[in-house]
Amino acid sequence: MEPPRKLAAATEQDSGRWFRPLADHMQDTYLRYSFTKGTEQEVDFLVDALGLEPGMRLLDAGCGPGRHVRATTARGIDVVGLDLAESFCRSVAAGDPPAPAIVADIRQIPVAPRLDAVISLCQGGFGLLGGPGAPIDADLQALRELASVLRPGGRLAVSAFSAYFQVRFQAGEGGDFDADAGVMHERTAVKDAAGTDLEADLWTTGFTPRELRLLASAAGLEVEAVWSVEPGDYARRTPDIDHAEFLLVARKPT
């Protein structure tokens, strides 16, 4: 097997874009990870929580190779994917069923407003903006941009890593938690289809429910709920310190 390639640390110039080389390396092998296996349950839950109906327009911001795009399209939703990684967008466009996908930064969305709903799941943009040199308000910028493409009354669902969970279970176990920035830094290796490793740094921002509510309010959204969730186990669960993620559901005022 070839020796691992190395991915350089993020700089101020590419902050928030450090995941793109990983995506280009993994491509569809991303879908082999266990956390991607609960797509149908997640989409069933989101369709109910967001009040989605056939014919509604949905943006999946940070769509990855398109697992949520495909599942929502199959339910009659008119979905557009968006991702910083061109390789992921190609997978969406060539999917079954195929769907449109836009190569863009979650903080600069080239989509006209009036969408019925927006989702950003599995830290597909929101929550991955806290690498070295990142502005302190990067996640607020992302939420404001997501809110800007919603029609009045439209809903948003964003998943975010729990800072409580990161500190309790991940800090010191292969990860270093920056208490000042609220960001977990990990060194890892990801594989491509041929099994070649790419060594990489990961920076994942952790949040508390209070922070998510404050960010959503600052972005002009009305918070409807914050729930504790796990991949493949979305539920209306009161926030706790035992689950890896929170799910924020908010609404754009009419």
C-alpha atoms as a PDB file:
ATOM      1  CA  MET A   1       0.000   0.000   0.000  1.00  0.00           C
ATOM      2  CA  GLU A   2       1.190   3.520  -0.738  1.00  0.00           C
ATOM      3  CA  PRO A   3       2.446   5.562   2.235  1.00  0.00           C
ATOM      4  CA  PRO A   4      -0.072   8.076   3.607  1.00  0.00           C
ATOM      5  CA  ARG A   5      -0.227  11.459   1.950  1.00  0.00           C
ATOM      6  CA  LYS A   6      -0.229  14.503   4.208  1.00  0.00           C
ATOM      7  CA  LEU A   7      -2.675  17.386   4.192  1.00  0.00           C
ATOM      8  CA  ALA A   8      -1.222  20.703   5.288  1.00  0.00           C
ATOM      9  CA  ALA A   9      -2.782  22.587   8.170  1.00  0.00           C
ATOM     10  CA  ALA A  10      -5.397  25.183   7.293  1.00  0.00           C
ATOM     11  CA  THR A  11      -4.301  28.770   6.888  1.00  0.00           C
ATOM     12  CA  GLU A  12      -6.180  32.010   7.274  1.00  0.00           C
ATOM     13  CA  GLN A  13      -6.665  32.088   3.500  1.00  0.00           C
ATOM     14  CA  ASP A  14      -8.335  28.679   3.293  1.00  0.00           C
ATOM     15  CA  SER A  15      -9.953  28.616   6.729  1.00  0.00           C
ATOM     16  CA  GLY A  16     -13.318  26.916   6.544  1.00  0.00           C
ATOM     17  CA  ARG A  17     -12.267  25.114   3.361  1.00  0.00           C
ATOM     18  CA  TRP A  18      -9.936  22.533   4.890  1.00  0.00           C
ATOM     19  CA  PHE A  19     -12.457  19.726   4.287  1.00  0.00           C
ATOM     20  CA  ARG A  20     -12.390  20.015   0.487  1.00  0.00           C
ATOM     21  CA  PRO A  21      -9.141  18.028  -0.048  1.00  0.00           C
ATOM     22  CA  LEU A  22     -10.546  15.290   2.203  1.00  0.00           C
ATOM     23  CA  ALA A  23     -13.743  15.154   0.148  1.00  0.00           C
ATOM     24  CA  ASP A  24     -11.815  15.008  -3.113  1.00  0.00           C
ATOM     25  CA  HIS A  25      -9.748  12.141  -1.703  1.00  0.00           C
ATOM     26  CA  MET A  26     -12.659  10.117  -0.266  1.00  0.00           C
ATOM     27  CA  GLN A  27     -15.321  10.838  -2.897  1.00  0.00           C
ATOM     28  CA  ASP A  28     -18.051   8.175  -2.585  1.00  0.00           C
ATOM     29  CA  THR A  29     -16.062   6.141  -0.026  1.00  0.00           C
ATOM     30  CA  TYR A  30     -17.445   8.736   2.423  1.00  0.00           C
ATOM     31  CA  LEU A  31     -20.654   6.705   2.306  1.00  0.00           C
ATOM     32  CA  ARG A  32     -18.882   3.711   3.890  1.00  0.00           C
ATOM     33  CA  TYR A  33     -18.673   5.449   7.272  1.00  0.00           C
ATOM     34  CA  SER A  34     -21.156   4.136   9.822  1.00  0.00           C
ATOM     35  CA  PHE A  35     -22.620   7.562  10.579  1.00  0.00           C
ATOM     36  CA  THR A  36     -24.023   7.726   7.029  1.00  0.00           C
ATOM     37  CA  LYS A  37     -26.211   4.623   7.419  1.00  0.00           C
ATOM     38  CA  GLY A  38     -29.197   6.266   9.122  1.00  0.00           C
ATOM     39  CA  THR A  39     -30.266   8.484   6.234  1.00  0.00           C
ATOM     40  CA  GLU A  40     -33.816   7.186   5.851  1.00  0.00           C
ATOM     41  CA  GLN A  41     -34.639   7.669   9.535  1.00  0.00           C
ATOM     42  CA  GLU A  42     -33.149  11.146   9.530  1.00  0.00           C
ATOM     43  CA  VAL A  43     -35.099  12.213   6.445  1.00  0.00           C
ATOM     44  CA  ASP A  44     -38.382  10.766   7.731  1.00  0.00           C
ATOM     45  CA  PHE A  45     -37.908  12.795  10.910  1.00  0.00           C
ATOM     46  CA  LEU A  46     -36.980  15.994   9.063  1.00  0.00           C
ATOM     47  CA  VAL A  47     -39.903  15.748   6.649  1.00  0.00           C
ATOM     48  CA  ASP A  48     -42.207  15.709   9.674  1.00  0.00           C
ATOM     49  CA  ALA A  49     -40.349  18.311  11.743  1.00  0.00           C
ATOM     50  CA  LEU A  50     -40.050  20.782   8.861  1.00  0.00           C
ATOM     51  CA  GLY A  51     -43.525  20.156   7.482  1.00  0.00           C
ATOM     52  CA  LEU A  52     -42.147  19.181   4.077  1.00  0.00           C
ATOM     53  CA  GLU A  53     -44.576  18.122   1.365  1.00  0.00           C
ATOM     54  CA  PRO A  54     -44.104  16.941  -2.238  1.00  0.00           C
ATOM     55  CA  GLY A  55     -43.274  19.835  -4.519  1.00  0.00           C
ATOM     56  CA  MET A  56     -41.654  21.986  -1.825  1.00  0.00           C
ATOM     57  CA  ARG A  57     -38.214  23.458  -2.522  1.00  0.00           C
ATOM     58  CA  LEU A  58     -35.328  22.397  -0.272  1.00  0.00           C
ATOM     59  CA  LEU A  59     -31.635  23.282  -0.155  1.00  0.00           C
ATOM     60  CA  ASP A  60     -29.205  20.738   1.318  1.00  0.00           C
ATOM     61  CA  ALA A  61     -26.234  22.940   2.251  1.00  0.00           C
ATOM     62  CA  GLY A  62     -23.082  20.880   2.685  1.00  0.00           C
ATOM     63  CA  CYS A  63     -24.754  17.944   0.941  1.00  0.00           C
ATOM     64  CA  GLY A  64     -21.704  15.687   0.654  1.00  0.00           C
ATOM     65  CA  PRO A  65     -22.161  12.903  -1.933  1.00  0.00           C
ATOM     66  CA  GLY A  66     -25.927  13.422  -1.723  1.00  0.00           C
ATOM     67  CA  ARG A  67     -27.433  10.853   0.607  1.00  0.00           C
ATOM     68  CA  HIS A  68     -30.016  13.268   2.034  1.00  0.00           C
ATOM     69  CA  VAL A  69     -30.594  14.765  -1.412  1.00  0.00           C
ATOM     70  CA  ARG A  70     -31.516  11.360  -2.827  1.00  0.00           C
ATOM     71  CA  ALA A  71     -33.731  10.392   0.098  1.00  0.00           C
ATOM     72  CA  THR A  72     -35.699  13.661   0.064  1.00  0.00           C
ATOM     73  CA  THR A  73     -35.984  13.664  -3.736  1.00  0.00           C
ATOM     74  CA  ALA A  74     -37.485  10.182  -3.521  1.00  0.00           C
ATOM     75  CA  ARG A  75     -40.205  11.667  -1.294  1.00  0.00           C
ATOM     76  CA  GLY A  76     -41.211  14.171  -3.952  1.00  0.00           C
ATOM     77  CA  ILE A  77     -39.280  17.151  -2.576  1.00  0.00           C
ATOM     78  CA  ASP A  78     -37.593  19.491  -5.082  1.00  0.00           C
ATOM     79  CA  VAL A  79     -34.019  19.425  -3.756  1.00  0.00           C
ATOM     80  CA  VAL A  80     -30.870  21.316  -4.685  1.00  0.00           C
ATOM     81  CA  GLY A  81     -27.552  20.239  -3.207  1.00  0.00           C
ATOM     82  CA  LEU A  82     -24.684  22.570  -2.359  1.00  0.00           C
ATOM     83  CA  ASP A  83     -21.147  21.667  -1.352  1.00  0.00           C
ATOM     84  CA  LEU A  84     -17.683  23.174  -1.429  1.00  0.00           C
ATOM     85  CA  ALA A  85     -16.280  19.938  -2.920  1.00  0.00           C
ATOM     86  CA  GLU A  86     -16.783  19.601  -6.659  1.00  0.00           C
ATOM     87  CA  SER A  87     -16.326  15.816  -6.417  1.00  0.00           C
ATOM     88  CA  PHE A  88     -19.306  15.586  -4.046  1.00  0.00           C
ATOM     89  CA  CYS A  89     -21.444  17.729  -6.345  1.00  0.00           C
ATOM     90  CA  ARG A  90     -20.607  15.450  -9.275  1.00  0.00           C
ATOM     91  CA  SER A  91     -21.850  12.492  -7.212  1.00  0.00           C
ATOM     92  CA  VAL A  92     -25.153  14.286  -6.559  1.00  0.00           C
ATOM     93  CA  ALA A  93     -25.622  15.154 -10.233  1.00  0.00           C
ATOM     94  CA  ALA A  94     -24.917  11.533 -11.234  1.00  0.00           C
ATOM     95  CA  GLY A  95     -27.017  10.020  -8.436  1.00  0.00           C
ATOM     96  CA  ASP A  96     -30.107   7.858  -8.566  1.00  0.00           C
ATOM     97  CA  PRO A  97     -32.191   9.907  -8.886  1.00  0.00           C
ATOM     98  CA  PRO A  98     -29.932  12.683 -10.177  1.00  0.00           C
ATOM     99  CA  ALA A  99     -30.328  16.142  -8.662  1.00  0.00           C
ATOM    100  CA  PRO A 100     -28.839  19.578  -9.273  1.00  0.00           C
ATOM    101  CA  ALA A 101     -25.849  20.505  -7.122  1.00  0.00           C
ATOM    102  CA  ILE A 102     -23.954  23.774  -6.784  1.00  0.00           C
ATOM    103  CA  VAL A 103     -20.252  24.103  -5.919  1.00  0.00           C
ATOM    104  CA  ALA A 104     -20.226  26.934  -3.385  1.00  0.00           C
ATOM    105  CA  ASP A 105     -19.286  28.010   0.129  1.00  0.00           C
ATOM    106  CA  ILE A 106     -22.095  27.835   2.680  1.00  0.00           C
ATOM    107  CA  ARG A 107     -21.285  31.469   3.534  1.00  0.00           C
ATOM    108  CA  GLN A 108     -21.895  32.608  -0.065  1.00  0.00           C
ATOM    109  CA  ILE A 109     -24.914  30.779  -1.450  1.00  0.00           C
ATOM    110  CA  PRO A 110     -25.731  31.613  -5.098  1.00  0.00           C
ATOM    111  CA  VAL A 111     -29.383  30.630  -4.772  1.00  0.00           C
ATOM    112  CA  ALA A 112     -32.368  32.934  -5.100  1.00  0.00           C
ATOM    113  CA  PRO A 113     -34.448  33.301  -1.921  1.00  0.00           C
ATOM    114  CA  ARG A 114     -37.937  31.827  -1.465  1.00  0.00           C
ATOM    115  CA  LEU A 115     -36.942  28.249  -0.592  1.00  0.00           C
ATOM    116  CA  ASP A 116     -39.371  26.386   1.655  1.00  0.00           C
ATOM    117  CA  ALA A 117     -36.640  24.803   3.777  1.00  0.00           C
ATOM    118  CA  VAL A 118     -32.896  24.473   4.254  1.00  0.00           C
ATOM    119  CA  ILE A 119     -30.955  21.659   5.916  1.00  0.00           C
ATOM    120  CA  SER A 120     -27.280  21.482   6.858  1.00  0.00           C
ATOM    121  CA  LEU A 121     -26.554  18.128   8.442  1.00  0.00           C
ATOM    122  CA  CYS A 122     -23.638  16.071   9.682  1.00  0.00           C
ATOM    123  CA  GLN A 123     -21.524  19.230   9.990  1.00  0.00           C
ATOM    124  CA  GLY A 124     -21.711  19.684   6.228  1.00  0.00           C
ATOM    125  CA  GLY A 125     -20.514  23.286   6.389  1.00  0.00           C
ATOM    126  CA  PHE A 126     -21.930  24.684   9.605  1.00  0.00           C
ATOM    127  CA  GLY A 127     -19.642  23.517  12.400  1.00  0.00           C
ATOM    128  CA  LEU A 128     -16.616  23.008  10.148  1.00  0.00           C
ATOM    129  CA  LEU A 129     -15.698  26.683   9.964  1.00  0.00           C
ATOM    130  CA  GLY A 130     -13.547  26.960  13.079  1.00  0.00           C
ATOM    131  CA  GLY A 131     -10.076  26.030  11.868  1.00  0.00           C
ATOM    132  CA  PRO A 132      -6.940  28.153  12.377  1.00  0.00           C
ATOM    133  CA  GLY A 133      -7.438  31.736  11.281  1.00  0.00           C
ATOM    134  CA  ALA A 134     -11.212  31.460  11.160  1.00  0.00           C
ATOM    135  CA  PRO A 135     -13.182  34.582  12.081  1.00  0.00           C
ATOM    136  CA  ILE A 136     -15.028  34.243  15.363  1.00  0.00           C
ATOM    137  CA  ASP A 137     -18.376  34.846  13.651  1.00  0.00           C
ATOM    138  CA  ALA A 138     -17.962  32.300  10.831  1.00  0.00           C
ATOM    139  CA  ASP A 139     -20.882  30.149  11.975  1.00  0.00           C
ATOM    140  CA  LEU A 140     -23.098  33.217  12.372  1.00  0.00           C
ATOM    141  CA  GLN A 141     -22.218  34.199   8.802  1.00  0.00           C
ATOM    142  CA  ALA A 142     -23.301  30.745   7.662  1.00  0.00           C
ATOM    143  CA  LEU A 143     -26.616  30.868   9.529  1.00  0.00           C
ATOM    144  CA  ARG A 144     -27.385  34.327   8.163  1.00  0.00           C
ATOM    145  CA  GLU A 145     -26.706  33.112   4.649  1.00  0.00           C
ATOM    146  CA  LEU A 146     -28.893  30.033   5.133  1.00  0.00           C
ATOM    147  CA  ALA A 147     -31.677  32.213   6.498  1.00  0.00           C
ATOM    148  CA  SER A 148     -31.378  34.609   3.559  1.00  0.00           C
ATOM    149  CA  VAL A 149     -32.498  32.005   1.001  1.00  0.00           C
ATOM    150  CA  LEU A 150     -35.628  31.014   2.945  1.00  0.00           C
ATOM    151  CA  ARG A 151     -39.055  32.376   2.128  1.00  0.00           C
ATOM    152  CA  PRO A 152     -40.906  34.027   5.016  1.00  0.00           C
ATOM    153  CA  GLY A 153     -42.215  31.171   7.140  1.00  0.00           C
ATOM    154  CA  GLY A 154     -39.628  28.752   5.745  1.00  0.00           C
ATOM    155  CA  ARG A 155     -37.792  26.431   8.120  1.00  0.00           C
ATOM    156  CA  LEU A 156     -34.192  25.484   8.730  1.00  0.00           C
ATOM    157  CA  ALA A 157     -32.651  22.397  10.339  1.00  0.00           C
ATOM    158  CA  VAL A 158     -28.965  22.380  11.298  1.00  0.00           C
ATOM    159  CA  SER A 159     -27.093  19.662  13.156  1.00  0.00           C
ATOM    160  CA  ALA A 160     -24.102  20.613  15.286  1.00  0.00           C
ATOM    161  CA  PHE A 161     -21.674  18.741  17.490  1.00  0.00           C
ATOM    162  CA  SER A 162     -22.354  18.978  21.209  1.00  0.00           C
ATOM    163  CA  ALA A 163     -19.572  20.733  23.103  1.00  0.00           C
ATOM    164  CA  TYR A 164     -20.648  18.800  26.194  1.00  0.00           C
ATOM    165  CA  PHE A 165     -20.134  15.477  24.384  1.00  0.00           C
ATOM    166  CA  GLN A 166     -16.789  16.560  22.938  1.00  0.00           C
ATOM    167  CA  VAL A 167     -15.383  17.496  26.339  1.00  0.00           C
ATOM    168  CA  ARG A 168     -16.844  14.467  28.089  1.00  0.00           C
ATOM    169  CA  PHE A 169     -15.949  11.722  25.608  1.00  0.00           C
ATOM    170  CA  GLN A 170     -13.477  12.983  22.992  1.00  0.00           C
ATOM    171  CA  ALA A 171     -11.067  15.376  24.679  1.00  0.00           C
ATOM    172  CA  GLY A 172      -7.865  13.501  25.440  1.00  0.00           C
ATOM    173  CA  GLU A 173      -9.011  10.466  23.458  1.00  0.00           C
ATOM    174  CA  GLY A 174      -7.213  11.404  20.270  1.00  0.00           C
ATOM    175  CA  GLY A 175      -8.594  14.924  20.253  1.00  0.00           C
ATOM    176  CA  ASP A 176      -7.583  18.271  21.732  1.00  0.00           C
ATOM    177  CA  PHE A 177     -10.412  20.596  22.737  1.00  0.00           C
ATOM    178  CA  ASP A 178      -9.677  24.317  22.565  1.00  0.00           C
ATOM    179  CA  ALA A 179     -11.820  25.687  25.370  1.00  0.00           C
ATOM    180  CA  ASP A 180     -11.320  29.263  24.201  1.00  0.00           C
ATOM    181  CA  ALA A 181     -12.491  28.643  20.621  1.00  0.00           C
ATOM    182  CA  GLY A 182     -14.833  25.719  21.377  1.00  0.00           C
ATOM    183  CA  VAL A 183     -13.147  23.673  18.637  1.00  0.00           C
ATOM    184  CA  MET A 184     -11.995  20.049  18.697  1.00  0.00           C
ATOM    185  CA  HIS A 185      -8.779  19.320  16.768  1.00  0.00           C
ATOM    186  CA  GLU A 186      -8.001  15.751  15.703  1.00  0.00           C
ATOM    187  CA  ARG A 187      -5.384  14.055  13.554  1.00  0.00           C
ATOM    188  CA  THR A 188      -6.705  11.211  11.466  1.00  0.00           C
ATOM    189  CA  ALA A 189      -6.408   9.414   8.132  1.00  0.00           C
ATOM    190  CA  VAL A 190      -9.126   8.925   5.530  1.00  0.00           C
ATOM    191  CA  LYS A 191      -9.118   6.362   2.724  1.00  0.00           C
ATOM    192  CA  ASP A 192      -9.999   6.581  -0.933  1.00  0.00           C
ATOM    193  CA  ALA A 193     -11.558   3.774  -2.995  1.00  0.00           C
ATOM    194  CA  ALA A 194      -8.132   2.176  -3.488  1.00  0.00           C
ATOM    195  CA  GLY A 195      -7.426   2.150   0.258  1.00  0.00           C
ATOM    196  CA  THR A 196      -4.808   4.926   0.101  1.00  0.00           C
ATOM    197  CA  ASP A 197      -4.633   6.968   3.302  1.00  0.00           C
ATOM    198  CA  LEU A 198      -4.611  10.731   3.474  1.00  0.00           C
ATOM    199  CA  GLU A 199      -3.417  12.126   6.801  1.00  0.00           C
ATOM    200  CA  ALA A 200      -5.430  15.160   7.817  1.00  0.00           C
ATOM    201  CA  ASP A 201      -6.254  17.631  10.545  1.00  0.00           C
ATOM    202  CA  LEU A 202      -9.924  17.968  11.498  1.00  0.00           C
ATOM    203  CA  TRP A 203     -11.394  21.010  13.251  1.00  0.00           C
ATOM    204  CA  THR A 204     -14.956  20.606  14.511  1.00  0.00           C
ATOM    205  CA  THR A 205     -16.752  23.321  16.457  1.00  0.00           C
ATOM    206  CA  GLY A 206     -18.844  22.262  19.442  1.00  0.00           C
ATOM    207  CA  PHE A 207     -21.958  24.118  20.557  1.00  0.00           C
ATOM    208  CA  THR A 208     -24.309  24.308  23.519  1.00  0.00           C
ATOM    209  CA  PRO A 209     -28.086  24.681  23.035  1.00  0.00           C
ATOM    210  CA  ARG A 210     -27.854  28.222  24.382  1.00  0.00           C
ATOM    211  CA  GLU A 211     -25.223  29.150  21.793  1.00  0.00           C
ATOM    212  CA  LEU A 212     -27.334  27.706  18.983  1.00  0.00           C
ATOM    213  CA  ARG A 213     -30.378  29.681  20.123  1.00  0.00           C
ATOM    214  CA  LEU A 214     -28.354  32.894  20.356  1.00  0.00           C
ATOM    215  CA  LEU A 215     -26.811  32.371  16.915  1.00  0.00           C
ATOM    216  CA  ALA A 216     -30.185  31.634  15.341  1.00  0.00           C
ATOM    217  CA  SER A 217     -31.707  34.730  16.939  1.00  0.00           C
ATOM    218  CA  ALA A 218     -28.804  36.880  15.704  1.00  0.00           C
ATOM    219  CA  ALA A 219     -29.394  35.469  12.212  1.00  0.00           C
ATOM    220  CA  GLY A 220     -33.011  36.670  12.331  1.00  0.00           C
ATOM    221  CA  LEU A 221     -34.578  33.250  12.916  1.00  0.00           C
ATOM    222  CA  GLU A 222     -37.198  32.139  15.417  1.00  0.00           C
ATOM    223  CA  VAL A 223     -36.049  29.002  17.251  1.00  0.00           C
ATOM    224  CA  GLU A 224     -38.653  26.256  17.377  1.00  0.00           C
ATOM    225  CA  ALA A 225     -36.574  23.542  19.027  1.00  0.00           C
ATOM    226  CA  VAL A 226     -33.126  22.254  19.930  1.00  0.00           C
ATOM    227  CA  TRP A 227     -32.959  18.469  20.380  1.00  0.00           C
ATOM    228  CA  SER A 228     -30.226  15.966  21.265  1.00  0.00           C
ATOM    229  CA  VAL A 229     -29.730  13.543  18.385  1.00  0.00           C
ATOM    230  CA  GLU A 230     -27.419  10.872  17.017  1.00  0.00           C
ATOM    231  CA  PRO A 231     -26.828   9.910  13.373  1.00  0.00           C
ATOM    232  CA  GLY A 232     -29.713   7.634  12.429  1.00  0.00           C
ATOM    233  CA  ASP A 233     -31.519   8.424  15.679  1.00  0.00           C
ATOM    234  CA  TYR A 234     -33.173  11.810  15.251  1.00  0.00           C
ATOM    235  CA  ALA A 235     -35.819  12.379  17.926  1.00  0.00           C
ATOM    236  CA  ARG A 236     -37.569  15.137  19.858  1.00  0.00           C
ATOM    237  CA  ARG A 237     -35.215  14.580  22.762  1.00  0.00           C
ATOM    238  CA  THR A 238     -34.566  17.209  25.444  1.00  0.00           C
ATOM    239  CA  PRO A 239     -30.953  18.433  25.218  1.00  0.00           C
ATOM    240  CA  ASP A 240     -28.564  16.365  27.332  1.00  0.00           C
ATOM    241  CA  ILE A 241     -24.833  15.701  27.677  1.00  0.00           C
ATOM    242  CA  ASP A 242     -24.918  12.095  26.450  1.00  0.00           C
ATOM    243  CA  HIS A 243     -25.642  12.498  22.717  1.00  0.00           C
ATOM    244  CA  ALA A 244     -23.093  13.591  20.137  1.00  0.00           C
ATOM    245  CA  GLU A 245     -25.138  16.208  18.311  1.00  0.00           C
ATOM    246  CA  PHE A 246     -27.818  18.838  18.666  1.00  0.00           C
ATOM    247  CA  LEU A 247     -30.432  19.531  16.013  1.00  0.00           C
ATOM    248  CA  LEU A 248     -31.574  23.131  15.719  1.00  0.00           C
ATOM    249  CA  VAL A 249     -34.936  23.773  14.040  1.00  0.00           C
ATOM    250  CA  ALA A 250     -35.813  27.398  13.369  1.00  0.00           C
ATOM    251  CA  ARG A 251     -38.205  29.435  11.268  1.00  0.00           C
ATOM    252  CA  LYS A 252     -37.864  32.628   9.248  1.00  0.00           C
ATOM    253  CA  PRO A 253     -40.441  35.147  10.484  1.00  0.00           C
ATOM    254  CA  THR A 254     -43.324  35.942   8.157  1.00  0.00           C
END
